[in-house]
N, C-alpha and C. Protein backbone atom coordinates (compact mmCIF):
# COMPACT_ATOMS: atom_id res chain seq x y z
N UNK A 1 21.11 -28.67 54.87
CA UNK A 1 20.83 -27.44 54.19
C UNK A 1 20.20 -26.20 54.93
N UNK A 2 20.27 -24.97 54.50
CA UNK A 2 20.22 -23.82 54.87
C UNK A 2 18.39 -23.72 54.87
N UNK A 3 17.61 -23.27 56.01
CA UNK A 3 16.28 -22.69 56.04
C UNK A 3 16.26 -21.51 55.06
N UNK A 4 16.92 -20.85 54.67
CA UNK A 4 17.01 -19.79 53.94
C UNK A 4 16.89 -20.54 52.45
N UNK A 5 17.38 -21.07 52.18
CA UNK A 5 17.42 -22.00 50.67
C UNK A 5 16.25 -22.85 50.51
N UNK A 6 15.81 -23.38 51.86
CA UNK A 6 14.55 -24.23 51.41
C UNK A 6 13.22 -23.27 51.28
N UNK A 7 13.00 -22.48 52.11
CA UNK A 7 11.96 -21.11 52.01
C UNK A 7 12.13 -20.53 50.47
N UNK A 8 13.30 -20.21 50.05
CA UNK A 8 13.31 -19.74 48.89
C UNK A 8 12.93 -20.65 47.59
N UNK A 9 13.16 -21.72 47.99
CA UNK A 9 13.20 -22.85 46.77
C UNK A 9 11.77 -23.23 46.90
N UNK A 10 10.87 -23.19 48.09
CA UNK A 10 9.61 -23.67 48.18
C UNK A 10 8.80 -22.72 47.29
N UNK A 11 9.22 -20.95 47.73
CA UNK A 11 8.23 -19.94 47.24
C UNK A 11 8.65 -19.85 45.63
N UNK A 12 9.90 -20.34 44.97
CA UNK A 12 9.83 -20.32 43.69
C UNK A 12 8.90 -21.72 43.21
N UNK A 13 9.11 -22.71 43.53
CA UNK A 13 8.47 -23.62 42.97
C UNK A 13 6.85 -23.27 43.03
N UNK A 14 6.07 -22.52 44.63
CA UNK A 14 4.93 -22.47 44.25
C UNK A 14 4.31 -21.29 43.38
N UNK A 15 5.49 -20.02 43.22
CA UNK A 15 5.01 -19.51 42.51
C UNK A 15 5.26 -19.80 40.96
N UNK A 16 6.08 -20.62 40.40
CA UNK A 16 6.43 -21.06 39.09
C UNK A 16 5.00 -21.86 38.58
N UNK A 17 4.59 -22.64 40.03
CA UNK A 17 3.23 -23.64 39.77
C UNK A 17 2.17 -22.51 39.41
N UNK A 18 1.91 -21.32 39.91
CA UNK A 18 1.07 -20.39 39.95
C UNK A 18 1.32 -19.62 38.30
N UNK A 19 2.29 -19.73 37.82
CA UNK A 19 2.57 -19.15 36.76
C UNK A 19 1.91 -19.97 35.38
N UNK A 20 2.16 -21.17 35.54
CA UNK A 20 1.28 -22.10 34.72
C UNK A 20 0.11 -22.51 34.89
N UNK A 21 -0.50 -22.27 35.94
CA UNK A 21 -1.93 -22.58 36.06
C UNK A 21 -2.62 -21.31 36.07
N UNK A 22 -2.45 -19.86 36.14
CA UNK A 22 -3.14 -19.15 36.14
C UNK A 22 -3.71 -18.61 34.77
N UNK A 23 -5.02 -18.39 34.60
CA UNK A 23 -5.58 -17.95 33.54
C UNK A 23 -5.50 -16.69 32.96
N UNK A 24 -5.21 -15.46 34.02
CA UNK A 24 -4.82 -14.29 33.37
C UNK A 24 -3.34 -14.25 33.44
N UNK A 25 -3.15 -13.29 32.61
CA UNK A 25 -1.63 -13.31 32.27
C UNK A 25 -1.15 -12.26 33.09
N UNK A 26 -2.13 -11.10 33.55
CA UNK A 26 -1.20 -10.55 34.19
C UNK A 26 -0.67 -11.07 35.73
N UNK A 27 -1.58 -11.98 36.08
CA UNK A 27 -1.49 -12.66 37.64
C UNK A 27 -0.20 -13.56 37.20
N UNK A 28 -0.13 -14.30 36.12
CA UNK A 28 0.75 -15.26 35.67
C UNK A 28 2.27 -14.21 35.70
N UNK A 29 2.29 -13.22 35.16
CA UNK A 29 3.59 -12.13 34.98
C UNK A 29 3.58 -11.88 36.61
N UNK A 30 2.95 -11.42 37.29
CA UNK A 30 2.98 -11.33 38.80
C UNK A 30 3.60 -12.13 39.50
N UNK A 31 3.43 -13.76 39.17
CA UNK A 31 3.86 -14.79 40.03
C UNK A 31 5.09 -15.12 39.22
N UNK A 32 5.74 -14.76 37.99
CA UNK A 32 6.81 -15.11 37.49
C UNK A 32 7.86 -14.11 38.26
N UNK A 33 7.32 -12.86 38.39
CA UNK A 33 8.13 -12.07 38.83
C UNK A 33 8.53 -12.45 40.25
N UNK A 34 7.87 -13.29 41.03
CA UNK A 34 7.98 -13.59 42.24
C UNK A 34 8.66 -14.94 42.55
N UNK A 35 8.79 -15.67 41.48
CA UNK A 35 9.54 -16.69 41.23
C UNK A 35 11.03 -16.26 40.94
N UNK A 36 11.11 -15.29 39.85
CA UNK A 36 12.56 -14.96 39.76
C UNK A 36 13.23 -14.29 40.74
N UNK A 37 12.46 -13.62 41.62
CA UNK A 37 12.82 -12.81 42.88
C UNK A 37 13.28 -14.28 44.14
N UNK A 38 12.54 -15.19 43.66
CA UNK A 38 13.10 -16.38 44.62
C UNK A 38 14.42 -17.22 44.44
N UNK A 39 14.30 -17.26 43.03
CA UNK A 39 15.77 -17.81 42.54
C UNK A 39 16.78 -16.82 42.59
N UNK A 40 16.61 -15.59 42.70
CA UNK A 40 17.74 -14.99 43.12
C UNK A 40 18.26 -15.00 44.53
N UNK A 41 17.20 -15.18 45.23
CA UNK A 41 17.42 -15.75 46.92
C UNK A 41 18.50 -17.05 46.90
N UNK A 42 17.73 -17.97 46.11
CA UNK A 42 18.53 -19.42 46.03
C UNK A 42 19.93 -19.00 45.78
N UNK A 43 20.29 -18.22 44.80
CA UNK A 43 21.52 -17.99 43.90
C UNK A 43 22.53 -17.35 45.21
N UNK A 44 21.81 -16.36 45.88
CA UNK A 44 22.26 -15.42 47.05
C UNK A 44 22.81 -16.70 48.13
N UNK A 45 22.13 -17.28 48.21
CA UNK A 45 22.65 -18.39 49.23
C UNK A 45 23.50 -19.58 48.84
N UNK A 46 23.37 -19.53 47.47
CA UNK A 46 24.68 -20.61 47.05
C UNK A 46 26.06 -19.68 47.19
N UNK A 47 26.15 -18.56 47.40
CA UNK A 47 27.19 -17.91 47.13
C UNK A 47 27.62 -17.13 46.18
N UNK A 48 26.33 -16.52 45.38
CA UNK A 48 26.63 -15.96 44.12
C UNK A 48 25.77 -14.58 43.99
N UNK A 49 26.43 -13.64 44.78
CA UNK A 49 25.51 -12.45 45.13
C UNK A 49 25.51 -11.75 43.69
N UNK A 50 26.62 -11.51 43.19
CA UNK A 50 26.28 -11.12 41.56
C UNK A 50 25.68 -11.69 40.81
N UNK A 51 25.52 -12.86 40.59
CA UNK A 51 24.01 -13.77 40.09
C UNK A 51 22.76 -13.40 40.24
N UNK A 52 22.96 -13.43 41.67
CA UNK A 52 21.50 -13.01 42.36
C UNK A 52 21.04 -10.97 41.94
N UNK A 53 22.13 -10.46 41.99
CA UNK A 53 21.68 -8.91 41.25
C UNK A 53 21.31 -8.88 39.77
N UNK A 54 22.11 -9.34 39.48
CA UNK A 54 21.84 -9.81 38.04
C UNK A 54 20.55 -10.44 37.40
N UNK A 55 19.97 -11.36 38.36
CA UNK A 55 18.73 -11.99 37.96
C UNK A 55 17.52 -11.25 38.30
N UNK A 56 17.81 -10.29 39.37
CA UNK A 56 16.59 -9.00 39.69
C UNK A 56 16.81 -8.24 38.75
N UNK A 57 18.12 -7.73 38.58
CA UNK A 57 18.10 -6.25 37.52
C UNK A 57 17.46 -6.71 36.00
N UNK A 58 18.23 -7.93 35.65
CA UNK A 58 17.97 -8.41 34.19
C UNK A 58 16.57 -8.91 34.15
N UNK A 59 15.85 -10.08 34.33
CA UNK A 59 15.04 -10.58 34.51
C UNK A 59 13.57 -9.97 35.21
N UNK A 60 13.90 -10.12 36.49
CA UNK A 60 12.78 -9.57 37.33
C UNK A 60 12.47 -8.11 37.23
N UNK A 61 13.35 -7.61 36.62
CA UNK A 61 13.38 -5.80 36.29
C UNK A 61 12.85 -5.45 34.89
N UNK A 62 14.04 -5.84 34.18
CA UNK A 62 13.93 -5.11 32.72
C UNK A 62 13.00 -5.98 31.59
N UNK A 63 13.30 -7.23 31.79
CA UNK A 63 12.41 -8.09 30.91
C UNK A 63 10.92 -8.30 31.15
N UNK A 64 10.67 -8.08 32.51
CA UNK A 64 9.33 -8.32 33.05
C UNK A 64 8.65 -7.19 32.78
N UNK A 65 9.19 -5.97 33.07
CA UNK A 65 8.67 -4.67 32.90
C UNK A 65 8.02 -4.41 31.27
N UNK A 66 9.18 -5.08 30.38
CA UNK A 66 8.96 -4.84 29.05
C UNK A 66 7.63 -6.23 28.74
N UNK A 67 7.72 -7.09 29.21
CA UNK A 67 6.88 -8.12 28.85
C UNK A 67 5.35 -7.50 29.19
N UNK A 68 5.07 -7.10 30.35
CA UNK A 68 4.31 -6.26 30.93
C UNK A 68 3.41 -5.17 30.09
N UNK A 69 4.53 -4.18 29.62
CA UNK A 69 4.11 -3.08 28.78
C UNK A 69 3.50 -3.84 27.52
N UNK A 70 4.18 -4.62 26.75
CA UNK A 70 3.54 -5.21 26.04
C UNK A 70 2.41 -5.58 25.85
N UNK A 71 2.13 -6.47 26.97
CA UNK A 71 0.79 -7.51 26.99
C UNK A 71 -0.27 -6.18 27.49
N UNK A 72 0.13 -5.25 28.22
CA UNK A 72 -0.87 -3.80 28.37
C UNK A 72 -0.78 -2.97 27.06
N UNK A 73 -0.44 -3.05 26.42
CA UNK A 73 -0.30 -2.51 25.24
C UNK A 73 -1.06 -2.87 24.08
N UNK A 74 -1.16 -4.25 24.20
CA UNK A 74 -1.67 -4.98 23.14
C UNK A 74 -3.27 -5.20 23.51
N UNK A 75 -3.71 -5.00 25.15
CA UNK A 75 -4.93 -5.06 25.25
C UNK A 75 -5.71 -3.88 25.47
N UNK A 76 -5.80 -3.31 24.49
CA UNK A 76 -6.32 -1.79 24.94
C UNK A 76 -7.80 -1.76 24.72
N UNK A 77 -8.71 -1.34 25.39
CA UNK A 77 -9.96 -1.18 24.81
C UNK A 77 -10.66 -0.79 26.17
N UNK A 78 -12.29 -0.61 26.06
CA UNK A 78 -12.82 -0.32 27.10
C UNK A 78 -13.13 -1.62 28.05
N UNK A 79 -13.28 -2.72 27.60
CA UNK A 79 -13.59 -4.35 28.48
C UNK A 79 -11.98 -4.36 29.07
N UNK A 80 -10.94 -4.10 28.47
CA UNK A 80 -9.81 -4.15 29.09
C UNK A 80 -9.46 -2.97 30.35
N UNK A 81 -10.02 -1.84 30.29
CA UNK A 81 -9.92 -1.20 31.17
C UNK A 81 -10.54 -1.62 32.49
N UNK A 82 -11.97 -2.21 32.50
CA UNK A 82 -12.58 -3.05 33.39
C UNK A 82 -11.68 -3.89 33.98
N UNK A 83 -10.90 -4.58 33.30
CA UNK A 83 -10.12 -5.88 33.83
C UNK A 83 -8.78 -5.26 34.56
N UNK A 84 -8.58 -4.15 34.03
CA UNK A 84 -7.15 -3.54 34.81
C UNK A 84 -7.82 -2.80 36.14
N UNK A 85 -8.88 -2.33 36.44
CA UNK A 85 -9.53 -1.93 37.52
C UNK A 85 -9.72 -2.96 38.52
N UNK A 86 -10.01 -4.54 38.06
CA UNK A 86 -10.14 -5.51 39.05
C UNK A 86 -8.61 -6.14 39.17
N UNK A 87 -7.78 -5.71 38.82
CA UNK A 87 -6.18 -6.08 38.88
C UNK A 87 -6.02 -5.12 40.32
N UNK A 88 -6.26 -4.42 40.40
CA UNK A 88 -5.94 -3.35 41.41
C UNK A 88 -6.66 -3.85 42.97
N UNK A 89 -7.61 -4.80 42.71
CA UNK A 89 -8.06 -4.93 44.18
C UNK A 89 -6.50 -5.46 45.01
N UNK A 90 -7.21 -5.51 46.12
CA UNK A 90 -5.70 -5.96 47.05
C UNK A 90 -5.74 -7.55 47.11
N UNK A 91 -7.00 -8.13 46.68
CA UNK A 91 -7.07 -9.69 47.27
C UNK A 91 -6.02 -10.21 46.17
N UNK A 92 -6.27 -9.70 45.02
CA UNK A 92 -5.22 -10.17 44.02
C UNK A 92 -3.61 -10.28 44.21
N UNK A 93 -3.19 -8.98 44.95
CA UNK A 93 -1.69 -8.76 45.36
C UNK A 93 -1.39 -9.62 46.47
N UNK A 94 -2.46 -10.14 47.40
CA UNK A 94 -2.28 -10.82 48.66
C UNK A 94 -0.96 -11.56 49.11
N UNK A 95 -1.49 -12.67 48.09
CA UNK A 95 -0.42 -14.13 48.10
C UNK A 95 0.89 -13.61 47.25
N UNK A 96 1.17 -12.90 46.32
CA UNK A 96 2.42 -12.91 45.64
C UNK A 96 2.92 -11.86 46.54
N UNK A 97 2.46 -10.51 47.34
CA UNK A 97 2.98 -9.78 48.23
C UNK A 97 3.33 -10.48 49.64
N UNK A 98 2.65 -11.63 49.88
CA UNK A 98 3.39 -12.34 51.03
C UNK A 98 4.75 -12.96 50.73
N UNK A 99 4.67 -13.64 49.59
CA UNK A 99 5.86 -14.25 49.16
C UNK A 99 6.97 -13.48 49.08
N UNK A 100 6.57 -12.11 48.41
CA UNK A 100 7.74 -11.04 48.23
C UNK A 100 8.21 -10.61 49.66
N UNK A 101 7.36 -10.50 50.88
CA UNK A 101 7.74 -10.17 52.31
C UNK A 101 8.54 -11.30 52.58
N UNK A 102 8.17 -12.58 52.42
CA UNK A 102 9.05 -13.60 53.10
C UNK A 102 10.18 -13.76 52.47
N UNK A 103 10.47 -13.13 51.25
CA UNK A 103 11.77 -13.43 50.24
C UNK A 103 12.57 -12.01 50.90
N UNK A 104 11.92 -11.17 50.97
CA UNK A 104 12.76 -9.73 51.76
C UNK A 104 13.28 -10.14 53.10
N UNK A 105 12.27 -10.93 53.94
CA UNK A 105 13.10 -10.98 55.29
C UNK A 105 13.73 -12.15 55.41
N UNK A 106 14.16 -12.69 54.36
CA UNK A 106 14.85 -13.93 54.26
C UNK A 106 16.15 -13.53 53.84
N UNK A 107 16.18 -12.58 52.74
CA UNK A 107 17.41 -11.95 52.32
C UNK A 107 18.10 -10.90 53.14
N UNK A 108 17.13 -10.17 54.18
CA UNK A 108 18.04 -9.35 54.94
C UNK A 108 18.40 -10.37 56.27
N UNK A 109 17.70 -11.28 56.64
CA UNK A 109 18.28 -12.39 57.63
C UNK A 109 19.55 -12.68 56.99
N UNK A 110 19.87 -13.34 55.84
CA UNK A 110 21.03 -13.61 55.08
C UNK A 110 22.39 -12.54 55.09
N UNK A 111 21.58 -11.16 54.84
CA UNK A 111 22.79 -10.06 54.85
C UNK A 111 23.09 -9.98 56.15
N UNK A 112 22.35 -9.74 57.43
CA UNK A 112 22.87 -9.35 58.28
C UNK A 112 23.44 -10.64 58.76
N UNK A 113 23.26 -11.58 58.65
CA UNK A 113 24.11 -12.98 59.38
C UNK A 113 25.40 -12.73 59.23
N UNK A 114 25.90 -12.25 57.66
CA UNK A 114 27.36 -12.21 57.25
C UNK A 114 28.17 -13.39 57.04
N UNK A 115 27.75 -14.30 56.73
CA UNK A 115 28.32 -15.44 56.85
C UNK A 115 29.18 -15.22 55.61
N UNK A 116 30.61 -15.97 55.68
CA UNK A 116 31.43 -16.10 54.71
C UNK A 116 30.71 -17.43 53.45
N UNK A 117 31.31 -17.24 52.26
CA UNK A 117 30.61 -18.42 51.48
C UNK A 117 31.43 -19.53 51.86
N UNK A 118 30.61 -20.73 51.24
CA UNK A 118 31.19 -22.12 51.34
C UNK A 118 32.82 -21.98 50.90
N UNK A 119 33.88 -22.93 51.18
CA UNK A 119 35.00 -22.95 50.86
C UNK A 119 35.06 -23.53 49.41
N UNK A 120 36.09 -22.85 48.73
CA UNK A 120 35.99 -23.35 47.38
C UNK A 120 35.14 -22.65 46.32
N UNK A 121 34.46 -21.77 46.66
CA UNK A 121 33.79 -20.87 45.90
C UNK A 121 34.68 -19.76 45.53
N UNK A 122 34.76 -19.68 44.07
CA UNK A 122 35.65 -18.47 43.50
C UNK A 122 34.68 -17.33 43.02
N UNK A 123 35.08 -16.25 43.67
CA UNK A 123 34.06 -15.06 43.16
C UNK A 123 34.41 -14.50 41.90
N UNK A 124 33.62 -14.34 40.96
CA UNK A 124 33.96 -13.87 39.80
C UNK A 124 33.55 -12.37 39.51
N UNK A 125 34.40 -11.58 39.40
CA UNK A 125 34.07 -9.92 39.14
C UNK A 125 33.40 -9.92 38.20
N UNK A 126 32.44 -8.82 38.22
CA UNK A 126 31.89 -8.47 37.10
C UNK A 126 32.36 -7.90 35.97
N UNK A 127 33.83 -7.49 35.90
CA UNK A 127 34.44 -7.58 34.45
C UNK A 127 34.49 -8.73 33.58
N UNK A 128 34.97 -9.70 34.71
CA UNK A 128 35.34 -11.08 34.09
C UNK A 128 34.17 -11.68 33.31
N UNK A 129 32.62 -11.28 33.96
CA UNK A 129 31.49 -11.66 33.17
C UNK A 129 31.19 -10.93 32.13
N UNK A 130 31.62 -9.85 31.92
CA UNK A 130 31.47 -8.99 30.78
C UNK A 130 32.45 -9.17 29.75
N UNK A 131 33.62 -9.68 29.96
CA UNK A 131 34.61 -10.03 29.28
C UNK A 131 34.51 -11.40 28.03
N UNK A 132 33.58 -12.14 29.24
CA UNK A 132 33.18 -13.46 28.73
C UNK A 132 31.87 -13.71 27.68
N UNK A 133 31.10 -12.51 28.07
CA UNK A 133 30.05 -12.21 27.67
C UNK A 133 30.28 -11.71 26.10
N UNK A 134 31.22 -10.64 26.31
CA UNK A 134 31.24 -9.85 24.98
C UNK A 134 32.62 -10.49 24.49
N UNK A 135 33.06 -11.44 24.78
CA UNK A 135 34.52 -12.03 23.99
C UNK A 135 34.02 -12.99 22.96
N UNK A 136 34.10 -14.11 23.49
CA UNK A 136 33.76 -15.41 22.47
C UNK A 136 32.29 -15.75 22.21
N UNK A 137 31.41 -14.97 23.19
CA UNK A 137 29.72 -15.25 23.30
C UNK A 137 29.11 -13.88 22.28
N UNK A 138 29.78 -12.81 21.84
CA UNK A 138 29.37 -11.67 21.39
C UNK A 138 28.42 -12.02 20.26
N UNK A 139 28.68 -12.84 19.35
CA UNK A 139 27.52 -12.84 18.70
C UNK A 139 26.47 -13.49 19.08
N UNK A 140 26.32 -14.47 20.08
CA UNK A 140 25.15 -15.06 20.69
C UNK A 140 24.17 -13.97 21.37
N UNK A 141 25.11 -13.44 22.14
CA UNK A 141 24.39 -12.54 22.99
C UNK A 141 23.90 -11.28 21.87
N UNK A 142 24.44 -10.88 21.02
CA UNK A 142 24.05 -10.10 19.87
C UNK A 142 22.62 -10.34 19.10
N UNK A 143 22.68 -11.65 18.77
CA UNK A 143 21.74 -12.62 18.06
C UNK A 143 20.24 -12.67 18.85
N UNK A 144 20.48 -12.67 20.40
CA UNK A 144 19.74 -12.69 21.46
C UNK A 144 18.91 -11.59 21.43
N UNK A 145 19.74 -10.39 21.30
CA UNK A 145 19.02 -9.01 21.47
C UNK A 145 18.36 -8.85 19.93
N UNK A 146 18.61 -9.18 19.18
CA UNK A 146 18.08 -9.10 17.75
C UNK A 146 16.75 -9.63 17.77
N UNK A 147 16.66 -11.23 18.62
CA UNK A 147 15.71 -12.13 18.62
C UNK A 147 14.31 -11.61 19.19
N UNK A 148 15.14 -10.97 20.30
CA UNK A 148 14.23 -10.24 21.22
C UNK A 148 13.11 -9.02 20.52
N UNK A 149 14.16 -8.33 19.95
CA UNK A 149 13.20 -7.31 19.30
C UNK A 149 12.48 -7.48 18.29
N UNK A 150 12.99 -8.68 17.57
CA UNK A 150 11.73 -8.95 16.64
C UNK A 150 10.57 -9.75 16.92
N UNK A 151 10.59 -10.20 18.49
CA UNK A 151 9.27 -10.92 18.97
C UNK A 151 8.56 -9.79 19.69
N UNK A 152 9.21 -8.73 19.66
CA UNK A 152 8.16 -7.41 20.48
C UNK A 152 7.61 -6.95 19.31
N UNK A 153 8.32 -6.79 17.93
CA UNK A 153 7.68 -6.01 16.92
C UNK A 153 6.91 -6.68 16.26
N UNK A 154 7.04 -8.10 16.21
CA UNK A 154 5.97 -8.94 15.81
C UNK A 154 4.80 -9.00 16.45
N UNK A 155 5.02 -8.92 17.58
CA UNK A 155 3.58 -8.99 18.79
C UNK A 155 2.76 -7.85 18.68
N UNK A 156 3.70 -6.66 18.45
CA UNK A 156 2.77 -5.26 18.18
C UNK A 156 2.38 -5.25 16.81
N UNK A 157 2.66 -5.76 16.14
CA UNK A 157 1.94 -5.97 14.49
C UNK A 157 0.97 -6.74 14.53
N UNK A 158 1.17 -7.80 15.28
CA UNK A 158 -0.02 -8.73 15.25
C UNK A 158 -1.00 -8.31 16.08
N UNK A 159 -0.91 -7.83 17.11
CA UNK A 159 -1.77 -6.92 17.87
C UNK A 159 -2.86 -5.99 17.07
N UNK A 160 -1.93 -5.14 16.55
CA UNK A 160 -2.12 -3.97 15.55
C UNK A 160 -3.16 -4.61 14.44
N UNK A 161 -2.88 -5.76 13.90
CA UNK A 161 -3.68 -6.21 12.70
C UNK A 161 -4.88 -6.72 13.35
N UNK A 162 -4.85 -7.37 14.67
CA UNK A 162 -6.23 -8.04 14.77
C UNK A 162 -7.13 -6.73 15.27
N UNK A 163 -6.54 -5.79 16.09
CA UNK A 163 -7.53 -4.44 16.45
C UNK A 163 -7.97 -3.99 15.01
N UNK A 164 -7.32 -3.67 13.77
CA UNK A 164 -7.89 -3.64 12.51
C UNK A 164 -9.03 -4.18 11.96
N UNK A 165 -9.10 -5.37 11.90
CA UNK A 165 -9.52 -6.65 11.45
C UNK A 165 -11.00 -6.37 12.52
N UNK A 166 -10.45 -6.49 13.48
CA UNK A 166 -11.86 -6.28 14.38
C UNK A 166 -12.57 -4.93 14.36
N UNK A 167 -12.15 -4.03 14.15
CA UNK A 167 -12.58 -2.60 14.00
C UNK A 167 -13.29 -2.57 12.67
N UNK A 168 -12.75 -3.24 11.46
CA UNK A 168 -13.54 -3.24 10.40
C UNK A 168 -14.73 -4.47 10.26
N UNK A 169 -14.63 -5.56 10.77
CA UNK A 169 -15.59 -6.24 11.06
C UNK A 169 -16.63 -5.77 12.09
N UNK A 170 -16.68 -4.97 13.02
CA UNK A 170 -17.65 -4.06 13.63
C UNK A 170 -18.51 -2.98 12.92
N UNK A 171 -17.43 -2.32 11.93
CA UNK A 171 -18.15 -1.24 11.16
C UNK A 171 -19.25 -1.81 10.03
N UNK A 172 -18.77 -3.14 9.53
CA UNK A 172 -19.45 -3.63 8.72
C UNK A 172 -20.70 -4.38 9.16
N UNK A 173 -20.65 -4.97 10.63
CA UNK A 173 -21.71 -5.53 10.89
C UNK A 173 -22.89 -4.02 11.60
N UNK A 174 -22.34 -3.51 12.00
CA UNK A 174 -23.12 -2.29 12.60
C UNK A 174 -23.89 -1.36 11.42
N UNK A 175 -23.37 -1.15 10.52
CA UNK A 175 -23.85 -0.47 9.07
C UNK A 175 -24.97 -1.15 8.67
N UNK A 176 -25.04 -2.69 8.75
CA UNK A 176 -26.11 -3.28 8.04
C UNK A 176 -27.06 -3.68 8.78
């Protein structure tokens, strides 16, 4: 097995363990991004560069930014502002940053090595992937989009209702 695969797999496992064991949601999300980047390097070493790019763009990019945006949107307040200042401390970013630097070095090594994929691997063009997703799986793709949107709207609604209830509770207790 290639050393790049082993290093990427170890980083993916370590980052995923940190996702499960972190108490702070923002730290867990940061480690989840590192884990997804490591999985993309694993996919690249298997000879699937298109899937590696999709992993980065769709999961590590769009979906994680959306999740971080909604987590931050639901936790607004004075207490949360102090937590956000604590998140900007360098010691919180050191380990995920080191993982990302190792993955970047590994990916650059693989790209500069310019090895051909293993024999028997068939390259699938992006057009064929799109035709497969929006052909027989069109309903599944659309239902997944609707489910994600419903989850986002529900999370926003629940977070908003919690703030209203907390605000009323504080008003009633402070006035008495």
